[in-house]
Amino acid sequence: MKNLFGFIFALLLVCSFTADAFSGDGNGIKLNDRVTNNINLSKSKFEKDYEIQKDFYAEKTGKKLVDFYIDLQLGYGSTNANIDSKSSSTTYNTSSSGGFNVGSIFYLNIADAWSFSSGLDFFNKKFEVETTDTNVVATDRIKDVSNQYLNIPLYFNVGGMISDKVGLTFMGGPYLGLLLSTDEEQGLGYKNFDLGLAGTLTGNYLVAPLVSVILGTKFQYGGLNNLGSTETVESIHTTNFTVFSGVRFGL
């Protein structure tokens, strides 16, 4: 009989500890709390991964209503200028120089019907100018010109993914360039803004869902508004060719 009472007491003690472990007494995290937390964390991670993969699939298959992504670009380009003189005795000979380009460009596709891009594009457009005046002896002067512009483009896009990993996009249209600073000493009379046309060809390689590395080239024709005009300068136009690389992020 003593053995029976001892067995019943031990069984009740075990049941009491088990119930306390699963129900908790408010003094700490019990087993059932830890299990619940782990389930919640796993569910949250699953839902996040699901949303990423769903957006990735929609972007690849063209079923996403609004597609938005951003390119962060770093490049190096060459600029040349065409300067026309008002005087037949004065000529301006130019040669190209290199400068850096940093840009942040966003792309917006709406239902595969409208696709355009804009952003901020910083350019350091540099070139050399040699001035010759035939009316005066030994007046050849060679000066460096370095103009810093902040361009705001408005481009229309054509292209997309051509395979599971590789995409190709062309965008082109007008841009407005704001002259931030200049160190030219030729008296060319640079205006505070540049209205031009540009085209960009960009290739991207997918390295993770919604993340790509990019490589591309840009061409710009600046001075549709005539960049400079003085008593001796008729007009100034520029051309710029840039190669760039960077990263693309999709949202």
C-alpha atoms as a PDB file:
ATOM      1  CA  MET A   1       0.000   0.000   0.000  1.00  0.00           C
ATOM      2  CA  LYS A   2       2.883   2.354   0.801  1.00  0.00           C
ATOM      3  CA  ASN A   3       4.351   1.656  -2.620  1.00  0.00           C
ATOM      4  CA  LEU A   4       1.013   2.509  -4.243  1.00  0.00           C
ATOM      5  CA  PHE A   5       0.769   5.849  -2.402  1.00  0.00           C
ATOM      6  CA  GLY A   6       4.379   6.654  -3.321  1.00  0.00           C
ATOM      7  CA  PHE A   7       3.723   5.935  -6.992  1.00  0.00           C
ATOM      8  CA  ILE A   8       0.588   8.132  -7.032  1.00  0.00           C
ATOM      9  CA  PHE A   9       2.451  11.007  -5.322  1.00  0.00           C
ATOM     10  CA  ALA A  10       5.316  10.821  -7.835  1.00  0.00           C
ATOM     11  CA  LEU A  11       2.871  10.763 -10.750  1.00  0.00           C
ATOM     12  CA  LEU A  12       1.057  13.858  -9.445  1.00  0.00           C
ATOM     13  CA  LEU A  13       4.386  15.666  -8.998  1.00  0.00           C
ATOM     14  CA  VAL A  14       5.455  14.927 -12.593  1.00  0.00           C
ATOM     15  CA  CYS A  15       2.095  16.093 -13.948  1.00  0.00           C
ATOM     16  CA  SER A  16       2.387  19.321 -11.973  1.00  0.00           C
ATOM     17  CA  PHE A  17       5.830  20.138 -13.425  1.00  0.00           C
ATOM     18  CA  THR A  18       4.684  19.272 -16.950  1.00  0.00           C
ATOM     19  CA  ALA A  19       1.622  21.518 -16.726  1.00  0.00           C
ATOM     20  CA  ASP A  20       3.724  24.372 -15.377  1.00  0.00           C
ATOM     21  CA  ALA A  21       6.233  23.999 -18.212  1.00  0.00           C
ATOM     22  CA  PHE A  22       3.582  24.253 -20.921  1.00  0.00           C
ATOM     23  CA  SER A  23       1.280  26.807 -19.363  1.00  0.00           C
ATOM     24  CA  GLY A  24       3.787  29.183 -17.749  1.00  0.00           C
ATOM     25  CA  ASP A  25       3.412  31.021 -14.492  1.00  0.00           C
ATOM     26  CA  GLY A  26       4.290  34.549 -15.651  1.00  0.00           C
ATOM     27  CA  ASN A  27       7.838  34.400 -14.263  1.00  0.00           C
ATOM     28  CA  GLY A  28       9.609  33.558 -17.544  1.00  0.00           C
ATOM     29  CA  ILE A  29       9.378  32.069 -21.016  1.00  0.00           C
ATOM     30  CA  LYS A  30       8.209  28.468 -20.902  1.00  0.00           C
ATOM     31  CA  LEU A  31       8.480  25.744 -23.477  1.00  0.00           C
ATOM     32  CA  ASN A  32       5.191  26.552 -25.180  1.00  0.00           C
ATOM     33  CA  ASP A  33       6.221  30.238 -25.422  1.00  0.00           C
ATOM     34  CA  ARG A  34       9.502  29.331 -27.102  1.00  0.00           C
ATOM     35  CA  VAL A  35       7.732  27.048 -29.556  1.00  0.00           C
ATOM     36  CA  THR A  36       5.203  29.781 -30.370  1.00  0.00           C
ATOM     37  CA  ASN A  37       7.957  32.371 -30.893  1.00  0.00           C
ATOM     38  CA  ASN A  38       9.898  30.037 -33.194  1.00  0.00           C
ATOM     39  CA  ILE A  39       6.767  29.383 -35.234  1.00  0.00           C
ATOM     40  CA  ASN A  40       6.092  33.120 -35.542  1.00  0.00           C
ATOM     41  CA  LEU A  41       9.677  33.821 -36.654  1.00  0.00           C
ATOM     42  CA  SER A  42       9.564  31.049 -39.249  1.00  0.00           C
ATOM     43  CA  LYS A  43       6.229  32.307 -40.547  1.00  0.00           C
ATOM     44  CA  SER A  44       7.532  35.883 -40.815  1.00  0.00           C
ATOM     45  CA  LYS A  45      10.643  34.758 -42.728  1.00  0.00           C
ATOM     46  CA  PHE A  46       8.551  32.605 -45.041  1.00  0.00           C
ATOM     47  CA  GLU A  47       6.182  35.486 -45.819  1.00  0.00           C
ATOM     48  CA  LYS A  48       9.089  37.855 -46.506  1.00  0.00           C
ATOM     49  CA  ASP A  49      10.814  35.357 -48.826  1.00  0.00           C
ATOM     50  CA  TYR A  50       7.506  34.682 -50.541  1.00  0.00           C
ATOM     51  CA  GLU A  51       6.936  38.383 -51.289  1.00  0.00           C
ATOM     52  CA  ILE A  52      10.475  38.753 -52.693  1.00  0.00           C
ATOM     53  CA  GLN A  53      10.093  35.728 -54.948  1.00  0.00           C
ATOM     54  CA  LYS A  54       6.607  36.839 -56.025  1.00  0.00           C
ATOM     55  CA  ASP A  55       7.912  40.258 -57.103  1.00  0.00           C
ATOM     56  CA  PHE A  56      10.869  38.608 -58.821  1.00  0.00           C
ATOM     57  CA  TYR A  57       8.591  36.259 -60.772  1.00  0.00           C
ATOM     58  CA  ALA A  58       6.212  39.073 -61.706  1.00  0.00           C
ATOM     59  CA  GLU A  59       9.090  41.196 -62.987  1.00  0.00           C
ATOM     60  CA  LYS A  60      10.499  38.377 -65.122  1.00  0.00           C
ATOM     61  CA  THR A  61       7.159  37.355 -66.591  1.00  0.00           C
ATOM     62  CA  GLY A  62       5.900  40.910 -67.154  1.00  0.00           C
ATOM     63  CA  LYS A  63       2.832  40.356 -64.954  1.00  0.00           C
ATOM     64  CA  LYS A  64       3.720  43.057 -62.445  1.00  0.00           C
ATOM     65  CA  LEU A  65       1.437  46.092 -62.774  1.00  0.00           C
ATOM     66  CA  VAL A  66       4.041  48.628 -61.621  1.00  0.00           C
ATOM     67  CA  ASP A  67       7.752  47.852 -61.879  1.00  0.00           C
ATOM     68  CA  PHE A  68      10.162  50.240 -60.123  1.00  0.00           C
ATOM     69  CA  TYR A  69      13.932  49.959 -59.828  1.00  0.00           C
ATOM     70  CA  ILE A  70      16.958  52.212 -59.290  1.00  0.00           C
ATOM     71  CA  ASP A  71      20.404  52.264 -60.915  1.00  0.00           C
ATOM     72  CA  LEU A  72      23.404  53.585 -58.977  1.00  0.00           C
ATOM     73  CA  GLN A  73      26.062  54.446 -61.567  1.00  0.00           C
ATOM     74  CA  LEU A  74      29.735  55.409 -61.575  1.00  0.00           C
ATOM     75  CA  GLY A  75      31.416  56.186 -64.879  1.00  0.00           C
ATOM     76  CA  TYR A  76      34.141  57.996 -66.776  1.00  0.00           C
ATOM     77  CA  GLY A  77      33.617  59.906 -70.000  1.00  0.00           C
ATOM     78  CA  SER A  78      35.170  62.106 -72.656  1.00  0.00           C
ATOM     79  CA  THR A  79      33.782  65.502 -73.711  1.00  0.00           C
ATOM     80  CA  ASN A  80      34.483  67.510 -76.848  1.00  0.00           C
ATOM     81  CA  ALA A  81      33.172  70.931 -77.849  1.00  0.00           C
ATOM     82  CA  ASN A  82      32.347  72.700 -81.087  1.00  0.00           C
ATOM     83  CA  ILE A  83      32.812  76.479 -80.749  1.00  0.00           C
ATOM     84  CA  ASP A  84      31.854  78.819 -83.592  1.00  0.00           C
ATOM     85  CA  SER A  85      33.382  82.284 -83.711  1.00  0.00           C
ATOM     86  CA  LYS A  86      31.663  85.483 -84.856  1.00  0.00           C
ATOM     87  CA  SER A  87      34.936  86.865 -86.163  1.00  0.00           C
ATOM     88  CA  SER A  88      36.765  85.422 -89.168  1.00  0.00           C
ATOM     89  CA  SER A  89      40.083  86.348 -87.560  1.00  0.00           C
ATOM     90  CA  THR A  90      39.471  84.358 -84.372  1.00  0.00           C
ATOM     91  CA  THR A  91      39.261  80.570 -84.254  1.00  0.00           C
ATOM     92  CA  TYR A  92      38.633  78.155 -81.397  1.00  0.00           C
ATOM     93  CA  ASN A  93      40.205  74.711 -81.689  1.00  0.00           C
ATOM     94  CA  THR A  94      39.127  72.155 -79.103  1.00  0.00           C
ATOM     95  CA  SER A  95      40.323  68.746 -77.921  1.00  0.00           C
ATOM     96  CA  SER A  96      38.578  66.294 -75.619  1.00  0.00           C
ATOM     97  CA  SER A  97      39.371  65.524 -71.982  1.00  0.00           C
ATOM     98  CA  GLY A  98      37.996  63.042 -69.466  1.00  0.00           C
ATOM     99  CA  GLY A  99      35.805  63.484 -66.412  1.00  0.00           C
ATOM    100  CA  PHE A 100      33.818  61.427 -63.899  1.00  0.00           C
ATOM    101  CA  ASN A 101      30.087  60.746 -63.912  1.00  0.00           C
ATOM    102  CA  VAL A 102      27.944  59.746 -60.908  1.00  0.00           C
ATOM    103  CA  GLY A 103      24.246  59.053 -61.298  1.00  0.00           C
ATOM    104  CA  SER A 104      21.138  57.747 -59.590  1.00  0.00           C
ATOM    105  CA  ILE A 105      18.494  56.843 -62.171  1.00  0.00           C
ATOM    106  CA  PHE A 106      15.073  55.334 -61.480  1.00  0.00           C
ATOM    107  CA  TYR A 107      12.977  53.313 -63.922  1.00  0.00           C
ATOM    108  CA  LEU A 108       9.201  53.073 -63.854  1.00  0.00           C
ATOM    109  CA  ASN A 109       7.203  50.593 -65.943  1.00  0.00           C
ATOM    110  CA  ILE A 110       3.410  50.719 -65.817  1.00  0.00           C
ATOM    111  CA  ALA A 111       1.505  47.671 -67.093  1.00  0.00           C
ATOM    112  CA  ASP A 112       4.105  47.162 -69.852  1.00  0.00           C
ATOM    113  CA  ALA A 113       2.512  50.129 -71.656  1.00  0.00           C
ATOM    114  CA  TRP A 114       4.556  53.053 -70.316  1.00  0.00           C
ATOM    115  CA  SER A 115       8.227  52.856 -69.463  1.00  0.00           C
ATOM    116  CA  PHE A 116      10.290  55.918 -68.607  1.00  0.00           C
ATOM    117  CA  SER A 117      13.187  56.954 -66.388  1.00  0.00           C
ATOM    118  CA  SER A 118      14.551  60.034 -64.661  1.00  0.00           C
ATOM    119  CA  GLY A 119      16.816  60.916 -61.755  1.00  0.00           C
ATOM    120  CA  LEU A 120      19.966  62.914 -61.021  1.00  0.00           C
ATOM    121  CA  ASP A 121      23.114  62.591 -63.143  1.00  0.00           C
ATOM    122  CA  PHE A 122      26.296  64.504 -62.230  1.00  0.00           C
ATOM    123  CA  PHE A 123      28.788  65.154 -65.056  1.00  0.00           C
ATOM    124  CA  ASN A 124      32.218  66.761 -65.069  1.00  0.00           C
ATOM    125  CA  LYS A 125      32.568  67.856 -68.705  1.00  0.00           C
ATOM    126  CA  LYS A 126      36.169  68.795 -69.476  1.00  0.00           C
ATOM    127  CA  PHE A 127      37.901  69.837 -72.704  1.00  0.00           C
ATOM    128  CA  GLU A 128      40.728  72.061 -73.958  1.00  0.00           C
ATOM    129  CA  VAL A 129      40.300  75.246 -75.996  1.00  0.00           C
ATOM    130  CA  GLU A 130      43.019  76.837 -78.129  1.00  0.00           C
ATOM    131  CA  THR A 131      42.247  80.421 -79.190  1.00  0.00           C
ATOM    132  CA  THR A 132      43.969  81.912 -82.230  1.00  0.00           C
ATOM    133  CA  ASP A 133      43.632  85.520 -83.394  1.00  0.00           C
ATOM    134  CA  THR A 134      45.244  86.199 -86.780  1.00  0.00           C
ATOM    135  CA  ASN A 135      45.102  89.971 -86.270  1.00  0.00           C
ATOM    136  CA  VAL A 136      47.570  89.811 -83.388  1.00  0.00           C
ATOM    137  CA  VAL A 137      50.961  88.123 -83.406  1.00  0.00           C
ATOM    138  CA  ALA A 138      51.506  85.178 -81.028  1.00  0.00           C
ATOM    139  CA  THR A 139      48.129  85.095 -79.361  1.00  0.00           C
ATOM    140  CA  ASP A 140      47.644  81.332 -79.270  1.00  0.00           C
ATOM    141  CA  ARG A 141      46.267  80.325 -75.892  1.00  0.00           C
ATOM    142  CA  ILE A 142      45.424  76.841 -74.645  1.00  0.00           C
ATOM    143  CA  LYS A 143      43.138  76.636 -71.648  1.00  0.00           C
ATOM    144  CA  ASP A 144      41.366  73.811 -69.844  1.00  0.00           C
ATOM    145  CA  VAL A 145      37.616  74.086 -69.395  1.00  0.00           C
ATOM    146  CA  SER A 146      35.913  72.086 -66.636  1.00  0.00           C
ATOM    147  CA  ASN A 147      32.146  72.430 -66.266  1.00  0.00           C
ATOM    148  CA  GLN A 148      30.164  70.570 -63.600  1.00  0.00           C
ATOM    149  CA  TYR A 149      26.540  69.841 -64.487  1.00  0.00           C
ATOM    150  CA  LEU A 150      23.672  68.227 -62.623  1.00  0.00           C
ATOM    151  CA  ASN A 151      21.480  66.669 -65.296  1.00  0.00           C
ATOM    152  CA  ILE A 152      17.796  65.840 -64.865  1.00  0.00           C
ATOM    153  CA  PRO A 153      16.815  63.455 -67.678  1.00  0.00           C
ATOM    154  CA  LEU A 154      13.409  62.445 -68.970  1.00  0.00           C
ATOM    155  CA  TYR A 155      13.930  59.242 -70.950  1.00  0.00           C
ATOM    156  CA  PHE A 156      11.665  56.696 -72.582  1.00  0.00           C
ATOM    157  CA  ASN A 157      12.779  53.072 -72.270  1.00  0.00           C
ATOM    158  CA  VAL A 158      12.779  50.047 -74.558  1.00  0.00           C
ATOM    159  CA  GLY A 159      13.945  46.570 -73.533  1.00  0.00           C
ATOM    160  CA  GLY A 160      13.897  44.208 -70.573  1.00  0.00           C
ATOM    161  CA  MET A 161      15.064  40.726 -69.582  1.00  0.00           C
ATOM    162  CA  ILE A 162      16.241  38.649 -72.549  1.00  0.00           C
ATOM    163  CA  SER A 163      17.020  35.546 -70.453  1.00  0.00           C
ATOM    164  CA  ASP A 164      16.698  34.364 -66.845  1.00  0.00           C
ATOM    165  CA  LYS A 165      19.816  36.290 -65.827  1.00  0.00           C
ATOM    166  CA  VAL A 166      20.545  38.900 -68.521  1.00  0.00           C
ATOM    167  CA  GLY A 167      18.663  42.063 -69.475  1.00  0.00           C
ATOM    168  CA  LEU A 168      19.232  44.873 -71.981  1.00  0.00           C
ATOM    169  CA  THR A 169      17.601  48.321 -71.938  1.00  0.00           C
ATOM    170  CA  PHE A 170      17.876  51.371 -74.190  1.00  0.00           C
ATOM    171  CA  MET A 171      16.606  54.720 -73.000  1.00  0.00           C
ATOM    172  CA  GLY A 172      16.671  58.066 -74.744  1.00  0.00           C
ATOM    173  CA  GLY A 173      15.216  61.551 -74.655  1.00  0.00           C
ATOM    174  CA  PRO A 174      15.908  65.112 -73.520  1.00  0.00           C
ATOM    175  CA  TYR A 175      17.694  66.297 -70.415  1.00  0.00           C
ATOM    176  CA  LEU A 176      18.087  69.562 -68.535  1.00  0.00           C
ATOM    177  CA  GLY A 177      21.566  70.245 -67.168  1.00  0.00           C
ATOM    178  CA  LEU A 178      22.115  72.806 -64.405  1.00  0.00           C
ATOM    179  CA  LEU A 179      25.581  74.395 -64.426  1.00  0.00           C
ATOM    180  CA  LEU A 180      26.967  74.001 -60.895  1.00  0.00           C
ATOM    181  CA  SER A 181      30.420  75.491 -61.494  1.00  0.00           C
ATOM    182  CA  THR A 182      32.932  76.335 -64.221  1.00  0.00           C
ATOM    183  CA  ASP A 183      36.598  77.368 -64.292  1.00  0.00           C
ATOM    184  CA  GLU A 184      36.820  78.485 -67.926  1.00  0.00           C
ATOM    185  CA  GLU A 185      38.880  81.642 -68.507  1.00  0.00           C
ATOM    186  CA  GLN A 186      38.294  82.084 -72.213  1.00  0.00           C
ATOM    187  CA  GLY A 187      35.344  84.434 -71.857  1.00  0.00           C
ATOM    188  CA  LEU A 188      33.040  82.041 -73.709  1.00  0.00           C
ATOM    189  CA  GLY A 189      29.996  83.192 -71.780  1.00  0.00           C
ATOM    190  CA  TYR A 190      28.606  79.872 -70.544  1.00  0.00           C
ATOM    191  CA  LYS A 191      24.910  79.847 -69.729  1.00  0.00           C
ATOM    192  CA  ASN A 192      23.542  78.485 -66.465  1.00  0.00           C
ATOM    193  CA  PHE A 193      21.765  75.533 -68.053  1.00  0.00           C
ATOM    194  CA  ASP A 194      22.224  72.995 -70.829  1.00  0.00           C
ATOM    195  CA  LEU A 195      19.332  71.567 -72.819  1.00  0.00           C
ATOM    196  CA  GLY A 196      20.343  68.448 -74.726  1.00  0.00           C
ATOM    197  CA  LEU A 197      19.538  64.983 -76.015  1.00  0.00           C
ATOM    198  CA  ALA A 198      20.959  61.700 -74.730  1.00  0.00           C
ATOM    199  CA  GLY A 199      20.822  57.955 -75.232  1.00  0.00           C
ATOM    200  CA  THR A 200      21.891  55.182 -72.856  1.00  0.00           C
ATOM    201  CA  LEU A 201      22.379  51.453 -73.430  1.00  0.00           C
ATOM    202  CA  THR A 202      22.485  49.374 -70.232  1.00  0.00           C
ATOM    203  CA  GLY A 203      23.047  45.658 -69.709  1.00  0.00           C
ATOM    204  CA  ASN A 204      22.251  44.009 -66.387  1.00  0.00           C
ATOM    205  CA  TYR A 205      23.140  40.624 -64.895  1.00  0.00           C
ATOM    206  CA  LEU A 206      20.946  39.265 -62.107  1.00  0.00           C
ATOM    207  CA  VAL A 207      22.956  38.188 -59.037  1.00  0.00           C
ATOM    208  CA  ALA A 208      20.029  37.874 -56.580  1.00  0.00           C
ATOM    209  CA  PRO A 209      16.270  38.408 -56.684  1.00  0.00           C
ATOM    210  CA  LEU A 210      15.729  42.085 -57.632  1.00  0.00           C
ATOM    211  CA  VAL A 211      19.484  42.857 -57.535  1.00  0.00           C
ATOM    212  CA  SER A 212      21.691  43.191 -60.647  1.00  0.00           C
ATOM    213  CA  VAL A 213      25.123  44.443 -61.612  1.00  0.00           C
ATOM    214  CA  ILE A 214      25.017  46.811 -64.587  1.00  0.00           C
ATOM    215  CA  LEU A 215      27.364  47.896 -67.376  1.00  0.00           C
ATOM    216  CA  GLY A 216      26.501  50.532 -69.937  1.00  0.00           C
ATOM    217  CA  THR A 217      27.377  53.488 -72.117  1.00  0.00           C
ATOM    218  CA  LYS A 218      25.915  56.980 -72.555  1.00  0.00           C
ATOM    219  CA  PHE A 219      26.044  59.514 -75.373  1.00  0.00           C
ATOM    220  CA  GLN A 220      24.993  63.142 -74.950  1.00  0.00           C
ATOM    221  CA  TYR A 221      24.621  66.036 -77.342  1.00  0.00           C
ATOM    222  CA  GLY A 222      24.498  69.253 -75.366  1.00  0.00           C
ATOM    223  CA  GLY A 223      23.741  72.807 -76.308  1.00  0.00           C
ATOM    224  CA  LEU A 224      20.417  72.721 -78.101  1.00  0.00           C
ATOM    225  CA  ASN A 225      19.905  76.074 -76.400  1.00  0.00           C
ATOM    226  CA  ASN A 226      23.436  77.273 -77.408  1.00  0.00           C
ATOM    227  CA  LEU A 227      25.683  76.954 -74.349  1.00  0.00           C
ATOM    228  CA  GLY A 228      27.529  80.244 -74.869  1.00  0.00           C
ATOM    229  CA  SER A 229      27.216  83.538 -76.687  1.00  0.00           C
ATOM    230  CA  THR A 230      29.424  86.645 -76.464  1.00  0.00           C
ATOM    231  CA  GLU A 231      30.722  89.380 -78.763  1.00  0.00           C
ATOM    232  CA  THR A 232      33.245  86.920 -80.201  1.00  0.00           C
ATOM    233  CA  VAL A 233      31.505  83.540 -79.733  1.00  0.00           C
ATOM    234  CA  GLU A 234      28.582  82.564 -81.962  1.00  0.00           C
ATOM    235  CA  SER A 235      27.639  79.227 -80.383  1.00  0.00           C
ATOM    236  CA  ILE A 236      28.908  76.309 -78.285  1.00  0.00           C
ATOM    237  CA  HIS A 237      27.795  72.686 -78.518  1.00  0.00           C
ATOM    238  CA  THR A 238      29.244  69.633 -76.760  1.00  0.00           C
ATOM    239  CA  THR A 239      29.293  65.873 -77.184  1.00  0.00           C
ATOM    240  CA  ASN A 240      29.998  63.434 -74.375  1.00  0.00           C
ATOM    241  CA  PHE A 241      30.664  59.688 -74.437  1.00  0.00           C
ATOM    242  CA  THR A 242      30.672  57.826 -71.088  1.00  0.00           C
ATOM    243  CA  VAL A 243      31.146  54.220 -69.952  1.00  0.00           C
ATOM    244  CA  PHE A 244      29.715  53.284 -66.550  1.00  0.00           C
ATOM    245  CA  SER A 245      29.053  50.418 -64.161  1.00  0.00           C
ATOM    246  CA  GLY A 246      27.038  50.016 -60.984  1.00  0.00           C
ATOM    247  CA  VAL A 247      24.230  48.220 -59.177  1.00  0.00           C
ATOM    248  CA  ARG A 248      20.480  47.959 -59.838  1.00  0.00           C
ATOM    249  CA  PHE A 249      17.919  47.467 -57.055  1.00  0.00           C
ATOM    250  CA  GLY A 250      14.311  46.501 -57.702  1.00  0.00           C
ATOM    251  CA  LEU A 251      11.412  47.361 -55.406  1.00  0.00           C
END
